[in-house]
Amino acid sequence: MAGSLPTNALWWALNAASAVLMTMGGVWSCRWRELRPISFGTGDPGGGSGGGRKPGGAGGGGEYEMVATEDVEGQGRA
């Protein structure tokens, strides 16, 4: 019947299992992405594992530095 709620228990179980699976998958993938080691331009965030982002890339630290690399007179930092 169009416009009414489904009465089949299998439909409800499938939708509940799908919602639980998608929620758990979303939480896991968000945590996995957010908890990866962060590269601050060193090129080796994993301690020799070779993974992670490269310097100058998106999130690599090259163009997004928050600390100036030169002082007011134009001389490099020590």
PDB file of N, CA and C in Angstrom:
ATOM      1  N   MET A   1       0.847  -1.161   0.000  1.00  0.00           N
ATOM      2  CA  MET A   1       0.000   0.000   0.000  1.00  0.00           C
ATOM      3  C   MET A   1       0.911   1.249   0.000  1.00  0.00           C
ATOM      4  N   ALA A   2       0.706   2.133  -0.894  1.00  0.00           N
ATOM      5  CA  ALA A   2       1.514   3.335  -1.005  1.00  0.00           C
ATOM      6  C   ALA A   2       1.196   4.303   0.128  1.00  0.00           C
ATOM      7  N   GLY A   3       2.225   4.924   0.688  1.00  0.00           N
ATOM      8  CA  GLY A   3       2.026   5.920   1.731  1.00  0.00           C
ATOM      9  C   GLY A   3       1.933   5.364   3.135  1.00  0.00           C
ATOM     10  N   SER A   4       2.182   4.074   3.320  1.00  0.00           N
ATOM     11  CA  SER A   4       2.131   3.490   4.660  1.00  0.00           C
ATOM     12  C   SER A   4       3.515   2.958   5.044  1.00  0.00           C
ATOM     13  N   LEU A   5       3.711   2.755   6.322  1.00  0.00           N
ATOM     14  CA  LEU A   5       4.978   2.219   6.804  1.00  0.00           C
ATOM     15  C   LEU A   5       5.095   0.732   6.482  1.00  0.00           C
ATOM     16  N   PRO A   6       6.302   0.268   6.139  1.00  0.00           N
ATOM     17  CA  PRO A   6       6.482  -1.164   5.878  1.00  0.00           C
ATOM     18  C   PRO A   6       6.230  -1.983   7.142  1.00  0.00           C
ATOM     19  N   THR A   7       5.631  -3.134   6.976  1.00  0.00           N
ATOM     20  CA  THR A   7       5.344  -3.999   8.118  1.00  0.00           C
ATOM     21  C   THR A   7       6.234  -5.228   8.149  1.00  0.00           C
ATOM     22  N   ASN A   8       7.088  -5.408   7.156  1.00  0.00           N
ATOM     23  CA  ASN A   8       7.966  -6.567   7.089  1.00  0.00           C
ATOM     24  C   ASN A   8       9.151  -6.368   8.046  1.00  0.00           C
ATOM     25  N   ALA A   9       9.340  -7.298   8.974  1.00  0.00           N
ATOM     26  CA  ALA A   9      10.418  -7.203   9.966  1.00  0.00           C
ATOM     27  C   ALA A   9      11.792  -7.279   9.296  1.00  0.00           C
ATOM     28  N   LEU A  10      11.902  -8.030   8.202  1.00  0.00           N
ATOM     29  CA  LEU A  10      13.179  -8.134   7.502  1.00  0.00           C
ATOM     30  C   LEU A  10      13.604  -6.766   6.945  1.00  0.00           C
ATOM     31  N   TRP A  11      12.672  -5.982   6.448  1.00  0.00           N
ATOM     32  CA  TRP A  11      12.975  -4.641   5.929  1.00  0.00           C
ATOM     33  C   TRP A  11      13.516  -3.757   7.048  1.00  0.00           C
ATOM     34  N   TRP A  12      12.876  -3.787   8.209  1.00  0.00           N
ATOM     35  CA  TRP A  12      13.321  -2.982   9.339  1.00  0.00           C
ATOM     36  C   TRP A  12      14.687  -3.448   9.841  1.00  0.00           C
ATOM     37  N   ALA A  13      14.916  -4.752   9.906  1.00  0.00           N
ATOM     38  CA  ALA A  13      16.203  -5.291  10.359  1.00  0.00           C
ATOM     39  C   ALA A  13      17.317  -4.901   9.392  1.00  0.00           C
ATOM     40  N   LEU A  14      17.037  -4.989   8.105  1.00  0.00           N
ATOM     41  CA  LEU A  14      18.036  -4.617   7.108  1.00  0.00           C
ATOM     42  C   LEU A  14      18.383  -3.133   7.197  1.00  0.00           C
ATOM     43  N   ASN A  15      17.397  -2.280   7.372  1.00  0.00           N
ATOM     44  CA  ASN A  15      17.647  -0.848   7.490  1.00  0.00           C
ATOM     45  C   ASN A  15      18.374  -0.494   8.783  1.00  0.00           C
ATOM     46  N   ALA A  16      18.037  -1.172   9.870  1.00  0.00           N
ATOM     47  CA  ALA A  16      18.735  -0.930  11.136  1.00  0.00           C
ATOM     48  C   ALA A  16      20.191  -1.373  11.039  1.00  0.00           C
ATOM     49  N   ALA A  17      20.424  -2.559  10.452  1.00  0.00           N
ATOM     50  CA  ALA A  17      21.801  -3.050  10.291  1.00  0.00           C
ATOM     51  C   ALA A  17      22.594  -2.122   9.374  1.00  0.00           C
ATOM     52  N   SER A  18      21.967  -1.626   8.327  1.00  0.00           N
ATOM     53  CA  SER A  18      22.636  -0.710   7.413  1.00  0.00           C
ATOM     54  C   SER A  18      22.998   0.592   8.114  1.00  0.00           C
ATOM     55  N   ALA A  19      22.099   1.116   8.926  1.00  0.00           N
ATOM     56  CA  ALA A  19      22.375   2.370   9.653  1.00  0.00           C
ATOM     57  C   ALA A  19      23.514   2.180  10.643  1.00  0.00           C
ATOM     58  N   VAL A  20      23.521   1.052  11.350  1.00  0.00           N
ATOM     59  CA  VAL A  20      24.591   0.778  12.307  1.00  0.00           C
ATOM     60  C   VAL A  20      25.925   0.621  11.588  1.00  0.00           C
ATOM     61  N   LEU A  21      25.931  -0.127  10.496  1.00  0.00           N
ATOM     62  CA  LEU A  21      27.162  -0.339   9.734  1.00  0.00           C
ATOM     63  C   LEU A  21      27.706   0.968   9.160  1.00  0.00           C
ATOM     64  N   MET A  22      26.851   1.788   8.602  1.00  0.00           N
ATOM     65  CA  MET A  22      27.298   3.051   8.024  1.00  0.00           C
ATOM     66  C   MET A  22      27.790   4.018   9.103  1.00  0.00           C
ATOM     67  N   THR A  23      27.146   4.033  10.263  1.00  0.00           N
ATOM     68  CA  THR A  23      27.585   4.894  11.361  1.00  0.00           C
ATOM     69  C   THR A  23      28.951   4.455  11.872  1.00  0.00           C
ATOM     70  N   MET A  24      29.108   3.155  12.094  1.00  0.00           N
ATOM     71  CA  MET A  24      30.397   2.645  12.576  1.00  0.00           C
ATOM     72  C   MET A  24      31.502   2.874  11.549  1.00  0.00           C
ATOM     73  N   GLY A  25      31.198   2.679  10.278  1.00  0.00           N
ATOM     74  CA  GLY A  25      32.187   2.918   9.225  1.00  0.00           C
ATOM     75  C   GLY A  25      32.582   4.381   9.127  1.00  0.00           C
ATOM     76  N   GLY A  26      31.622   5.270   9.289  1.00  0.00           N
ATOM     77  CA  GLY A  26      31.915   6.698   9.241  1.00  0.00           C
ATOM     78  C   GLY A  26      32.759   7.152  10.416  1.00  0.00           C
ATOM     79  N   VAL A  27      32.454   6.649  11.606  1.00  0.00           N
ATOM     80  CA  VAL A  27      33.241   6.999  12.789  1.00  0.00           C
ATOM     81  C   VAL A  27      34.658   6.466  12.651  1.00  0.00           C
ATOM     82  N   TRP A  28      34.790   5.228  12.202  1.00  0.00           N
ATOM     83  CA  TRP A  28      36.127   4.633  12.030  1.00  0.00           C
ATOM     84  C   TRP A  28      36.948   5.402  11.010  1.00  0.00           C
ATOM     85  N   SER A  29      36.364   5.715   9.853  1.00  0.00           N
ATOM     86  CA  SER A  29      37.129   6.399   8.815  1.00  0.00           C
ATOM     87  C   SER A  29      37.515   7.816   9.248  1.00  0.00           C
ATOM     88  N   CYS A  30      36.647   8.492   9.984  1.00  0.00           N
ATOM     89  CA  CYS A  30      36.965   9.831  10.480  1.00  0.00           C
ATOM     90  C   CYS A  30      38.110   9.762  11.480  1.00  0.00           C
ATOM     91  N   ARG A  31      38.054   8.811  12.395  1.00  0.00           N
ATOM     92  CA  ARG A  31      39.133   8.662  13.376  1.00  0.00           C
ATOM     93  C   ARG A  31      40.433   8.275  12.701  1.00  0.00           C
ATOM     94  N   TRP A  32      40.371   7.385  11.711  1.00  0.00           N
ATOM     95  CA  TRP A  32      41.573   6.946  11.004  1.00  0.00           C
ATOM     96  C   TRP A  32      42.242   8.129  10.311  1.00  0.00           C
ATOM     97  N   ARG A  33      41.445   8.961   9.646  1.00  0.00           N
ATOM     98  CA  ARG A  33      42.007  10.110   8.935  1.00  0.00           C
ATOM     99  C   ARG A  33      42.560  11.161   9.900  1.00  0.00           C
ATOM    100  N   GLU A  34      41.830  11.449  10.964  1.00  0.00           N
ATOM    101  CA  GLU A  34      42.238  12.499  11.883  1.00  0.00           C
ATOM    102  C   GLU A  34      43.401  12.102  12.779  1.00  0.00           C
ATOM    103  N   LEU A  35      43.606  10.834  13.027  1.00  0.00           N
ATOM    104  CA  LEU A  35      44.660  10.394  13.942  1.00  0.00           C
ATOM    105  C   LEU A  35      45.930   9.939  13.245  1.00  0.00           C
ATOM    106  N   ARG A  36      46.014  10.121  11.915  1.00  0.00           N
ATOM    107  CA  ARG A  36      47.255   9.788  11.215  1.00  0.00           C
ATOM    108  C   ARG A  36      48.337  10.763  11.646  1.00  0.00           C
ATOM    109  N   PRO A  37      49.598  10.336  11.601  1.00  0.00           N
ATOM    110  CA  PRO A  37      50.685  11.267  11.945  1.00  0.00           C
ATOM    111  C   PRO A  37      50.679  12.477  11.015  1.00  0.00           C
ATOM    112  N   ILE A  38      50.993  13.626  11.574  1.00  0.00           N
ATOM    113  CA  ILE A  38      50.977  14.874  10.815  1.00  0.00           C
ATOM    114  C   ILE A  38      52.396  15.231  10.424  1.00  0.00           C
ATOM    115  N   SER A  39      52.592  15.578   9.164  1.00  0.00           N
ATOM    116  CA  SER A  39      53.902  15.986   8.672  1.00  0.00           C
ATOM    117  C   SER A  39      54.019  17.501   8.767  1.00  0.00           C
ATOM    118  N   PHE A  40      55.085  17.967   9.385  1.00  0.00           N
ATOM    119  CA  PHE A  40      55.331  19.404   9.485  1.00  0.00           C
ATOM    120  C   PHE A  40      56.473  19.814   8.567  1.00  0.00           C
ATOM    121  N   GLY A  41      56.544  19.196   7.399  1.00  0.00           N
ATOM    122  CA  GLY A  41      57.558  19.554   6.428  1.00  0.00           C
ATOM    123  C   GLY A  41      58.827  18.737   6.535  1.00  0.00           C
ATOM    124  N   THR A  42      58.875  17.744   7.390  1.00  0.00           N
ATOM    125  CA  THR A  42      60.073  16.926   7.521  1.00  0.00           C
ATOM    126  C   THR A  42      60.125  15.830   6.476  1.00  0.00           C
ATOM    127  N   GLY A  43      58.982  15.469   5.917  1.00  0.00           N
ATOM    128  CA  GLY A  43      58.946  14.455   4.881  1.00  0.00           C
ATOM    129  C   GLY A  43      58.869  13.045   5.429  1.00  0.00           C
ATOM    130  N   ASP A  44      59.038  12.848   6.740  1.00  0.00           N
ATOM    131  CA  ASP A  44      59.010  11.508   7.300  1.00  0.00           C
ATOM    132  C   ASP A  44      58.260  11.512   8.622  1.00  0.00           C
ATOM    133  N   PRO A  45      56.915  11.572   8.601  1.00  0.00           N
ATOM    134  CA  PRO A  45      56.164  11.649   9.843  1.00  0.00           C
ATOM    135  C   PRO A  45      56.087  10.330  10.591  1.00  0.00           C
ATOM    136  N   GLY A  46      56.305   9.228   9.911  1.00  0.00           N
ATOM    137  CA  GLY A  46      56.100   7.929  10.534  1.00  0.00           C
ATOM    138  C   GLY A  46      57.349   7.324  11.123  1.00  0.00           C
ATOM    139  N   GLY A  47      58.406   8.075  11.297  1.00  0.00           N
ATOM    140  CA  GLY A  47      59.617   7.526  11.877  1.00  0.00           C
ATOM    141  C   GLY A  47      60.303   6.522  10.983  1.00  0.00           C
ATOM    142  N   GLY A  48      60.351   6.796   9.674  1.00  0.00           N
ATOM    143  CA  GLY A  48      61.046   5.903   8.765  1.00  0.00           C
ATOM    144  C   GLY A  48      60.123   4.994   7.973  1.00  0.00           C
ATOM    145  N   SER A  49      58.845   5.098   8.157  1.00  0.00           N
ATOM    146  CA  SER A  49      57.926   4.213   7.454  1.00  0.00           C
ATOM    147  C   SER A  49      57.714   4.647   6.000  1.00  0.00           C
ATOM    148  N   GLY A  50      58.037   5.891   5.686  1.00  0.00           N
ATOM    149  CA  GLY A  50      57.884   6.376   4.325  1.00  0.00           C
ATOM    150  C   GLY A  50      56.480   6.839   4.002  1.00  0.00           C
ATOM    151  N   GLY A  51      55.547   6.748   4.933  1.00  0.00           N
ATOM    152  CA  GLY A  51      54.175   7.162   4.681  1.00  0.00           C
ATOM    153  C   GLY A  51      53.988   8.626   5.002  1.00  0.00           C
ATOM    154  N   GLY A  52      52.810   9.115   4.729  1.00  0.00           N
ATOM    155  CA  GLY A  52      52.506  10.501   5.069  1.00  0.00           C
ATOM    156  C   GLY A  52      52.621  11.420   3.883  1.00  0.00           C
ATOM    157  N   ARG A  53      52.491  12.687   4.156  1.00  0.00           N
ATOM    158  CA  ARG A  53      52.490  13.696   3.108  1.00  0.00           C
ATOM    159  C   ARG A  53      53.887  14.214   2.869  1.00  0.00           C
ATOM    160  N   LYS A  54      54.112  14.684   1.680  1.00  0.00           N
ATOM    161  CA  LYS A  54      55.421  15.225   1.316  1.00  0.00           C
ATOM    162  C   LYS A  54      55.474  16.722   1.607  1.00  0.00           C
ATOM    163  N   PRO A  55      56.665  17.268   1.832  1.00  0.00           N
ATOM    164  CA  PRO A  55      56.785  18.696   2.112  1.00  0.00           C
ATOM    165  C   PRO A  55      56.259  19.536   0.959  1.00  0.00           C
ATOM    166  N   GLY A  56      55.598  20.622   1.296  1.00  0.00           N
ATOM    167  CA  GLY A  56      55.102  21.545   0.285  1.00  0.00           C
ATOM    168  C   GLY A  56      53.772  21.135  -0.316  1.00  0.00           C
ATOM    169  N   GLY A  57      53.319  19.935  -0.052  1.00  0.00           N
ATOM    170  CA  GLY A  57      52.046  19.475  -0.574  1.00  0.00           C
ATOM    171  C   GLY A  57      50.910  19.972   0.301  1.00  0.00           C
ATOM    172  N   ALA A  58      49.726  19.461   0.036  1.00  0.00           N
ATOM    173  CA  ALA A  58      48.581  19.865   0.850  1.00  0.00           C
ATOM    174  C   ALA A  58      48.801  19.395   2.275  1.00  0.00           C
ATOM    175  N   GLY A  59      48.881  20.305   3.195  1.00  0.00           N
ATOM    176  CA  GLY A  59      49.099  19.964   4.584  1.00  0.00           C
ATOM    177  C   GLY A  59      50.544  19.643   4.908  1.00  0.00           C
ATOM    178  N   GLY A  60      51.446  19.835   3.953  1.00  0.00           N
ATOM    179  CA  GLY A  60      52.842  19.507   4.163  1.00  0.00           C
ATOM    180  C   GLY A  60      53.600  20.543   4.948  1.00  0.00           C
ATOM    181  N   GLY A  61      53.061  21.708   5.161  1.00  0.00           N
ATOM    182  CA  GLY A  61      53.698  22.720   5.981  1.00  0.00           C
ATOM    183  C   GLY A  61      54.462  23.758   5.204  1.00  0.00           C
ATOM    184  N   GLY A  62      54.738  23.545   3.925  1.00  0.00           N
ATOM    185  CA  GLY A  62      55.555  24.461   3.164  1.00  0.00           C
ATOM    186  C   GLY A  62      54.954  25.849   3.035  1.00  0.00           C
ATOM    187  N   GLU A  63      53.748  25.954   2.570  1.00  0.00           N
ATOM    188  CA  GLU A  63      53.143  27.260   2.346  1.00  0.00           C
ATOM    189  C   GLU A  63      52.172  27.664   3.449  1.00  0.00           C
ATOM    190  N   TYR A  64      52.005  26.844   4.456  1.00  0.00           N
ATOM    191  CA  TYR A  64      51.060  27.140   5.516  1.00  0.00           C
ATOM    192  C   TYR A  64      51.757  27.348   6.853  1.00  0.00           C
ATOM    193  N   GLU A  65      52.991  27.794   6.813  1.00  0.00           N
ATOM    194  CA  GLU A  65      53.721  27.982   8.059  1.00  0.00           C
ATOM    195  C   GLU A  65      53.115  29.113   8.863  1.00  0.00           C
ATOM    196  N   MET A  66      53.048  28.921  10.172  1.00  0.00           N
ATOM    197  CA  MET A  66      52.496  29.939  11.049  1.00  0.00           C
ATOM    198  C   MET A  66      53.604  30.751  11.705  1.00  0.00           C
ATOM    199  N   VAL A  67      54.838  30.298  11.605  1.00  0.00           N
ATOM    200  CA  VAL A  67      55.973  30.997  12.189  1.00  0.00           C
ATOM    201  C   VAL A  67      56.819  31.527  11.037  1.00  0.00           C
ATOM    202  N   ALA A  68      57.178  32.803  11.095  1.00  0.00           N
ATOM    203  CA  ALA A  68      57.975  33.399  10.033  1.00  0.00           C
ATOM    204  C   ALA A  68      59.359  32.767   9.994  1.00  0.00           C
ATOM    205  N   THR A  69      59.880  32.554   8.778  1.00  0.00           N
ATOM    206  CA  THR A  69      61.211  31.969   8.646  1.00  0.00           C
ATOM    207  C   THR A  69      62.291  33.040   8.529  1.00  0.00           C
ATOM    208  N   GLU A  70      61.897  34.305   8.420  1.00  0.00           N
ATOM    209  CA  GLU A  70      62.860  35.400   8.366  1.00  0.00           C
ATOM    210  C   GLU A  70      62.473  36.461   9.394  1.00  0.00           C
ATOM    211  N   ASP A  71      63.481  37.095   9.959  1.00  0.00           N
ATOM    212  CA  ASP A  71      63.175  38.162  10.912  1.00  0.00           C
ATOM    213  C   ASP A  71      62.891  39.465  10.183  1.00  0.00           C
ATOM    214  N   VAL A  72      62.688  40.524  10.905  1.00  0.00           N
ATOM    215  CA  VAL A  72      62.271  41.793  10.321  1.00  0.00           C
ATOM    216  C   VAL A  72      63.335  42.353   9.361  1.00  0.00           C
ATOM    217  N   GLU A  73      64.599  42.170   9.658  1.00  0.00           N
ATOM    218  CA  GLU A  73      65.669  42.714   8.821  1.00  0.00           C
ATOM    219  C   GLU A  73      65.893  41.888   7.558  1.00  0.00           C
ATOM    220  N   GLY A  74      65.205  40.763   7.397  1.00  0.00           N
ATOM    221  CA  GLY A  74      65.360  39.969   6.201  1.00  0.00           C
ATOM    222  C   GLY A  74      66.432  38.895   6.326  1.00  0.00           C
ATOM    223  N   GLN A  75      66.975  38.709   7.504  1.00  0.00           N
ATOM    224  CA  GLN A  75      67.991  37.692   7.709  1.00  0.00           C
ATOM    225  C   GLN A  75      67.306  36.429   8.225  1.00  0.00           C
ATOM    226  N   GLY A  76      67.837  35.282   7.873  1.00  0.00           N
ATOM    227  CA  GLY A  76      67.235  34.022   8.290  1.00  0.00           C
ATOM    228  C   GLY A  76      67.367  33.813   9.784  1.00  0.00           C
ATOM    229  N   ARG A  77      66.500  32.970  10.297  1.00  0.00           N
ATOM    230  CA  ARG A  77      66.550  32.641  11.719  1.00  0.00           C
ATOM    231  C   ARG A  77      67.733  31.731  11.990  1.00  0.00           C
ATOM    232  N   ALA A  78      68.155  31.742  13.236  1.00  0.00           N
ATOM    233  CA  ALA A  78      69.277  30.896  13.624  1.00  0.00           C
ATOM    234  C   ALA A  78      68.822  29.488  13.882  1.00  0.00           C
TER     235      ALA A  78
END
